[in-house]
Amino acid sequence: MDPVAMAQQLGGGLLSFPVTHFDADGAFDEAPYRDHCAWMLEHELTGLFAAGGTGEFFSLTPGEVVDVVRAAVAEGHGKVPVISGCGYGTAIAVDIARGAERAGADGLLLLPPYLVGSKQEGLAAHIEAVCRATGLGVIVYNRDNAIVDDETLAGLCDRNPNLVGFKDGVGDIELMTRIYARMGDRLTYIGGLPTAETYATPYLTMGVTTYSSAIFNFMPEWALAFYKAVRAGDQVEVMHQLRQFVLPYIALRNRGRGYAVSIVKSGCRLIGRDAGPVRSPLTDLSAAEEQELRALIERAAPKALSAAA
């Protein structure tokens, strides 16, 4: 898929970041993962991000990333763009990028490099190496130890036509405004703060037309209705759903470090779409915490639970 057309398609609707399924021994479990992707694709989506943050990219080997992407492509190819997670050090990121391209991915989400901080020149060299290693469209995930400024981003865009997206996981309004003012429609902008629904309305006013919804994994109808309320400017409904579900969900998620993925896998388990445990060093929610999540889902989207009965 042409990188620019791919990015434009992503910007037109909600994005799904499926969890990665593991069996009892912690190995990638392809059959239920493919079934989950197919189920998500029965709903209205504009992109499927395989082996992303919610998909535990950080716990997968480079070979496993390619396996997960290949499985997602088998379900999503021809329906929506399939975007592969990509990251670690530059050499590994380049290998993953090439492997994902061979597996049929339409684009890459370039996550921060492993652990180290660096200057803008170093970040630019890292991003550019990945862009030049592949013909796929590249989306830079701006967060943690990989925050590029507007000047660096503009230079990268000038030199790399396949750099087509910018996902923000920082929440720096001034930086986001500078980037959008400088780059305009040269890029597609994606909201990537956890939990993205909280920031959806203010970010929409800055040209961020889409975001990654981890909640889509277990409440797809709710996630789509919320997204449509945001795009329609229905502040009454947005605030109602924030109070009823999103803010209590965030409070529960913040009970334990690493729960951003764990709580999503619990949600999948509660609706009858068990994705297995999280991989260490993450830990699953306790039984009591999972029951609290059940109560939140029951209040916001009871039909999701009834399907599992």
Protein backbone atom coordinates (compact mmCIF):
# COMPACT_ATOMS: atom_id res chain seq x y z
CA MET A 1 0.00 0.00 0.00
CA ASP A 2 1.25 3.48 -0.82
CA PRO A 3 2.56 4.98 2.46
CA VAL A 4 0.70 8.28 2.08
CA ALA A 5 -2.60 6.60 1.20
CA MET A 6 -2.11 4.21 4.11
CA ALA A 7 -1.58 7.07 6.57
CA GLN A 8 -4.58 8.97 5.26
CA GLN A 9 -6.75 5.89 5.71
CA LEU A 10 -5.58 5.50 9.31
CA GLY A 11 -6.54 9.09 10.08
CA GLY A 12 -10.15 8.56 9.05
CA GLY A 13 -11.35 6.36 11.90
CA LEU A 14 -10.56 4.41 15.04
CA LEU A 15 -7.45 2.22 15.37
CA SER A 16 -7.23 -1.21 16.99
CA PHE A 17 -4.21 -2.50 18.91
CA PRO A 18 -4.89 -6.20 19.57
CA VAL A 19 -3.40 -8.00 22.55
CA THR A 20 -1.05 -10.84 21.73
CA HIS A 21 -2.30 -14.27 22.78
CA PHE A 22 -0.05 -16.57 24.80
CA ASP A 23 -0.66 -20.15 25.87
CA ALA A 24 -0.12 -21.49 29.40
CA ASP A 25 3.61 -21.85 28.71
CA GLY A 26 3.91 -18.27 27.47
CA ALA A 27 4.30 -19.11 23.77
CA PHE A 28 2.53 -17.16 21.04
CA ASP A 29 -0.85 -18.79 20.43
CA GLU A 30 -1.63 -18.05 16.79
CA ALA A 31 -5.08 -19.56 16.30
CA PRO A 32 -6.91 -17.56 19.00
CA TYR A 33 -4.92 -14.45 18.06
CA ARG A 34 -6.13 -14.72 14.48
CA ASP A 35 -9.66 -15.34 15.68
CA HIS A 36 -9.45 -12.21 17.85
CA CYS A 37 -8.18 -10.09 14.95
CA ALA A 38 -10.98 -11.42 12.73
CA TRP A 39 -13.56 -10.58 15.41
CA MET A 40 -12.20 -7.05 15.79
CA LEU A 41 -12.35 -6.61 12.03
CA GLU A 42 -16.07 -7.35 12.07
CA HIS A 43 -16.34 -3.85 13.54
CA GLU A 44 -15.60 -0.48 11.99
CA LEU A 45 -11.83 0.05 11.98
CA THR A 46 -9.29 1.89 9.85
CA GLY A 47 -6.14 0.13 11.02
CA LEU A 48 -4.85 -2.95 12.84
CA PHE A 49 -1.62 -2.46 14.80
CA ALA A 50 -0.03 -5.85 15.43
CA ALA A 51 2.63 -6.35 18.12
CA GLY A 52 2.27 -2.81 19.40
CA GLY A 53 2.47 -1.71 23.02
CA THR A 54 -0.85 -3.34 23.91
CA GLY A 55 0.39 -6.40 22.02
CA GLU A 56 3.40 -6.65 24.36
CA PHE A 57 5.98 -5.76 21.71
CA PHE A 58 8.50 -5.25 24.51
CA SER A 59 8.28 -8.93 25.50
CA LEU A 60 8.45 -10.44 22.01
CA THR A 61 11.57 -11.57 20.23
CA PRO A 62 12.14 -10.02 16.79
CA GLY A 63 11.15 -13.34 15.22
CA GLU A 64 7.95 -13.44 17.25
CA VAL A 65 7.08 -9.91 16.14
CA VAL A 66 7.22 -11.10 12.54
CA ASP A 67 5.12 -14.16 13.40
CA VAL A 68 2.45 -12.00 15.06
CA VAL A 69 2.42 -9.58 12.14
CA ARG A 70 2.13 -12.41 9.61
CA ALA A 71 -0.88 -13.75 11.53
CA ALA A 72 -2.52 -10.32 11.60
CA VAL A 73 -1.91 -9.86 7.88
CA ALA A 74 -3.61 -13.18 7.20
CA GLU A 75 -6.78 -11.78 8.79
CA GLY A 76 -6.58 -8.09 7.94
CA HIS A 77 -4.88 -7.88 4.57
CA GLY A 78 -7.15 -6.28 2.02
CA LYS A 79 -9.53 -5.03 4.72
CA VAL A 80 -7.51 -2.45 6.63
CA PRO A 81 -3.81 -1.53 6.78
CA VAL A 82 -1.80 -3.77 9.12
CA ILE A 83 0.90 -1.88 10.99
CA SER A 84 3.77 -3.67 12.73
CA GLY A 85 5.44 -2.65 15.94
CA CYS A 86 9.14 -1.89 15.49
CA GLY A 87 11.84 -0.82 17.90
CA TYR A 88 14.83 -1.62 20.15
CA GLY A 89 18.28 -0.49 18.96
CA THR A 90 18.76 0.65 15.39
CA ALA A 91 20.17 -2.62 14.03
CA ILE A 92 17.36 -4.71 15.55
CA ALA A 93 14.72 -2.18 14.46
CA VAL A 94 16.01 -2.36 10.88
CA ASP A 95 15.82 -6.17 10.97
CA ILE A 96 12.26 -6.07 12.35
CA ALA A 97 11.25 -3.52 9.70
CA ARG A 98 12.50 -5.75 6.90
CA GLY A 99 10.92 -8.82 8.44
CA ALA A 100 7.58 -7.07 8.84
CA GLU A 101 7.71 -5.95 5.21
CA ARG A 102 8.33 -9.53 4.07
CA ALA A 103 5.43 -10.66 6.27
CA GLY A 104 3.08 -8.35 4.40
CA ALA A 105 2.73 -5.41 6.78
CA ASP A 106 1.57 -2.10 5.32
CA GLY A 107 3.46 0.12 7.75
CA LEU A 108 5.56 0.39 10.90
CA LEU A 109 4.99 1.97 14.29
CA LEU A 110 8.49 2.89 15.47
CA LEU A 111 8.58 2.68 19.25
CA PRO A 112 11.34 4.29 21.37
CA PRO A 113 14.80 2.67 21.30
CA TYR A 114 15.69 0.43 24.19
CA LEU A 115 16.51 2.22 27.45
CA VAL A 116 19.03 4.87 26.43
CA GLY A 117 18.48 8.59 26.05
CA SER A 118 20.06 10.47 23.16
CA LYS A 119 20.39 13.84 21.47
CA GLN A 120 18.14 14.92 18.63
CA GLU A 121 20.83 14.00 16.09
CA GLY A 122 20.93 10.44 17.42
CA LEU A 123 17.17 10.05 17.37
CA ALA A 124 17.07 11.41 13.83
CA ALA A 125 19.73 8.91 12.69
CA HIS A 126 17.79 6.06 14.30
CA ILE A 127 14.48 7.01 12.66
CA GLU A 128 16.11 7.66 9.31
CA ALA A 129 17.86 4.28 9.31
CA VAL A 130 14.51 2.52 9.71
CA CYS A 131 12.84 4.68 7.06
CA ARG A 132 15.61 3.93 4.56
CA ALA A 133 15.59 0.20 5.30
CA THR A 134 12.05 -0.30 4.01
CA GLY A 135 9.47 0.95 1.56
CA LEU A 136 6.78 0.78 4.24
CA GLY A 137 5.17 3.87 5.70
CA VAL A 138 6.69 4.73 9.09
CA ILE A 139 4.87 6.26 12.05
CA VAL A 140 7.10 7.70 14.78
CA TYR A 141 5.89 7.12 18.34
CA ASN A 142 6.95 10.18 20.32
CA ARG A 143 7.27 9.21 24.00
CA ASP A 144 9.57 8.42 26.91
CA ASN A 145 13.22 8.53 25.79
CA ALA A 146 12.42 9.24 22.13
CA ILE A 147 10.91 12.72 21.94
CA VAL A 148 11.71 14.51 18.70
CA ASP A 149 11.07 18.22 18.37
CA ASP A 150 9.42 20.00 15.46
CA GLU A 151 12.71 20.95 13.80
CA THR A 152 14.06 17.39 13.89
CA LEU A 153 10.76 16.01 12.62
CA ALA A 154 10.60 18.50 9.76
CA GLY A 155 14.09 17.54 8.61
CA LEU A 156 13.24 13.86 8.75
CA CYS A 157 10.10 14.44 6.69
CA ASP A 158 12.07 16.37 4.08
CA ARG A 159 14.52 13.50 3.65
CA ASN A 160 12.18 10.53 4.06
CA PRO A 161 8.93 10.54 2.07
CA ASN A 162 7.81 7.29 3.75
CA LEU A 163 7.77 8.96 7.17
CA VAL A 164 4.02 9.52 7.13
CA GLY A 165 2.75 9.49 10.71
CA PHE A 166 3.32 10.91 14.15
CA LYS A 167 1.88 9.27 17.26
CA ASP A 168 2.00 11.36 20.40
CA GLY A 169 2.48 9.71 23.76
CA VAL A 170 3.79 12.77 25.59
CA GLY A 171 0.88 15.14 26.12
CA ASP A 172 2.97 18.27 25.63
CA ILE A 173 0.39 20.64 24.13
CA GLU A 174 2.96 23.25 23.13
CA LEU A 175 5.14 20.69 21.33
CA MET A 176 2.14 19.16 19.59
CA THR A 177 0.99 22.61 18.48
CA ARG A 178 4.43 23.46 17.12
CA ILE A 179 4.60 20.19 15.21
CA TYR A 180 1.14 20.55 13.69
CA ALA A 181 1.72 24.22 12.82
CA ARG A 182 4.93 23.31 11.05
CA MET A 183 3.97 20.02 9.39
CA GLY A 184 0.23 20.42 8.78
CA ASP A 185 -1.20 17.66 6.60
CA ARG A 186 2.25 16.33 5.70
CA LEU A 187 1.67 13.77 8.48
CA THR A 188 -1.21 11.80 9.93
CA TYR A 189 -1.44 12.41 13.68
CA ILE A 190 -2.42 9.69 16.15
CA GLY A 191 -3.23 10.05 19.83
CA GLY A 192 -1.16 7.58 21.83
CA LEU A 193 -1.46 8.60 25.44
CA PRO A 194 -2.76 6.01 27.89
CA THR A 195 -5.77 5.99 28.04
CA ALA A 196 -6.23 7.80 24.71
CA GLU A 197 -9.99 8.35 25.19
CA THR A 198 -9.19 10.85 27.96
CA TYR A 199 -7.33 13.13 25.56
CA ALA A 200 -9.40 12.54 22.43
CA THR A 201 -11.47 15.73 22.49
CA PRO A 202 -8.71 18.29 23.15
CA TYR A 203 -6.41 16.55 20.70
CA LEU A 204 -9.03 16.61 17.97
CA THR A 205 -8.91 20.40 18.03
CA MET A 206 -5.20 20.17 17.17
CA GLY A 207 -5.70 17.97 14.12
CA VAL A 208 -5.29 14.59 15.83
CA THR A 209 -8.20 12.82 14.16
CA THR A 210 -7.61 9.30 15.48
CA TYR A 211 -6.17 7.40 18.41
CA SER A 212 -5.24 3.93 19.56
CA SER A 213 -7.99 2.28 21.58
CA ALA A 214 -6.84 -0.61 23.78
CA ILE A 215 -10.40 -0.80 25.16
CA PHE A 216 -11.54 -1.88 21.68
CA ASN A 217 -10.14 -5.34 22.54
CA PHE A 218 -13.06 -6.08 24.84
CA MET A 219 -15.65 -3.32 24.29
CA PRO A 220 -15.54 -2.58 20.55
CA GLU A 221 -19.08 -1.20 20.25
CA TRP A 222 -18.50 1.10 23.21
CA ALA A 223 -15.13 2.23 21.82
CA LEU A 224 -16.65 3.08 18.44
CA ALA A 225 -19.59 4.94 19.98
CA PHE A 226 -17.19 6.98 22.12
CA TYR A 227 -15.02 7.81 19.10
CA LYS A 228 -18.05 8.92 17.11
CA ALA A 229 -19.19 11.14 19.99
CA VAL A 230 -15.74 12.76 20.02
CA ARG A 231 -15.78 13.36 16.27
CA ALA A 232 -19.34 14.74 16.47
CA GLY A 233 -18.40 17.16 19.25
CA ASP A 234 -20.96 15.60 21.61
CA GLN A 235 -19.36 16.80 24.82
CA VAL A 236 -22.28 15.72 27.00
CA GLU A 237 -21.93 12.09 25.91
CA VAL A 238 -18.14 12.17 26.02
CA MET A 239 -18.12 13.47 29.61
CA HIS A 240 -20.79 10.96 30.62
CA GLN A 241 -18.70 8.05 29.35
CA LEU A 242 -15.52 9.47 30.88
CA ARG A 243 -17.20 9.62 34.28
CA GLN A 244 -19.02 6.30 33.94
CA PHE A 245 -16.20 4.17 32.61
CA VAL A 246 -12.92 5.73 31.47
CA LEU A 247 -11.86 7.54 34.64
CA PRO A 248 -12.72 4.62 36.99
CA TYR A 249 -10.96 2.31 34.52
CA ILE A 250 -7.84 4.49 34.68
CA ALA A 251 -7.97 4.48 38.48
CA LEU A 252 -8.04 0.68 38.46
CA ARG A 253 -5.28 0.50 35.86
CA ASN A 254 -3.09 2.74 38.02
CA ARG A 255 -3.27 0.33 40.96
CA GLY A 256 -0.31 -1.64 39.68
CA ARG A 257 2.74 -0.91 37.56
CA GLY A 258 2.42 -2.43 34.10
CA TYR A 259 -1.34 -2.78 34.34
CA ALA A 260 -1.95 -0.92 31.07
CA VAL A 261 -1.71 -4.25 29.24
CA SER A 262 -2.84 -6.49 32.09
CA ILE A 263 -6.19 -4.75 32.44
CA VAL A 264 -6.91 -5.19 28.73
CA LYS A 265 -6.19 -8.91 28.91
CA SER A 266 -8.50 -9.12 31.92
CA GLY A 267 -11.21 -7.39 29.90
CA CYS A 268 -10.75 -9.95 27.12
CA ARG A 269 -11.03 -12.79 29.62
CA LEU A 270 -14.22 -11.35 31.11
CA ILE A 271 -16.01 -11.19 27.76
CA GLY A 272 -15.04 -14.78 26.90
CA ARG A 273 -12.10 -14.01 24.62
CA ASP A 274 -9.23 -15.14 26.84
CA ALA A 275 -5.84 -14.07 25.47
CA GLY A 276 -3.83 -15.90 28.12
CA PRO A 277 -1.52 -14.35 30.70
CA VAL A 278 0.76 -11.38 30.27
CA ARG A 279 4.45 -12.17 29.98
CA SER A 280 6.81 -11.29 32.80
CA PRO A 281 7.86 -8.84 34.06
CA LEU A 282 4.19 -7.83 33.79
CA THR A 283 1.67 -9.37 36.19
CA ASP A 284 -2.02 -10.07 35.76
CA LEU A 285 -4.74 -8.32 37.75
CA SER A 286 -5.78 -9.97 40.99
CA ALA A 287 -9.12 -11.80 41.11
CA ALA A 288 -10.61 -8.96 43.14
CA GLU A 289 -9.38 -6.34 40.69
CA GLU A 290 -10.77 -8.33 37.78
CA GLN A 291 -14.17 -8.34 39.46
CA GLU A 292 -13.98 -4.55 39.81
CA LEU A 293 -13.35 -4.38 36.07
CA ARG A 294 -16.33 -6.65 35.49
CA ALA A 295 -18.54 -4.19 37.39
CA LEU A 296 -17.27 -1.30 35.23
CA ILE A 297 -17.96 -3.23 32.02
CA GLU A 298 -21.39 -4.25 33.30
CA ARG A 299 -22.27 -0.62 33.85
CA ALA A 300 -20.90 0.72 30.54
CA ALA A 301 -21.38 -2.17 28.11
CA PRO A 302 -23.45 -5.02 29.56
CA LYS A 303 -23.90 -6.64 26.14
CA ALA A 304 -20.16 -7.30 26.03
CA LEU A 305 -20.45 -9.53 29.09
CA SER A 306 -23.67 -11.20 28.02
CA ALA A 307 -21.86 -12.61 24.97
CA ALA A 308 -19.59 -14.55 27.33
CA ALA A 309 -22.43 -16.00 29.40
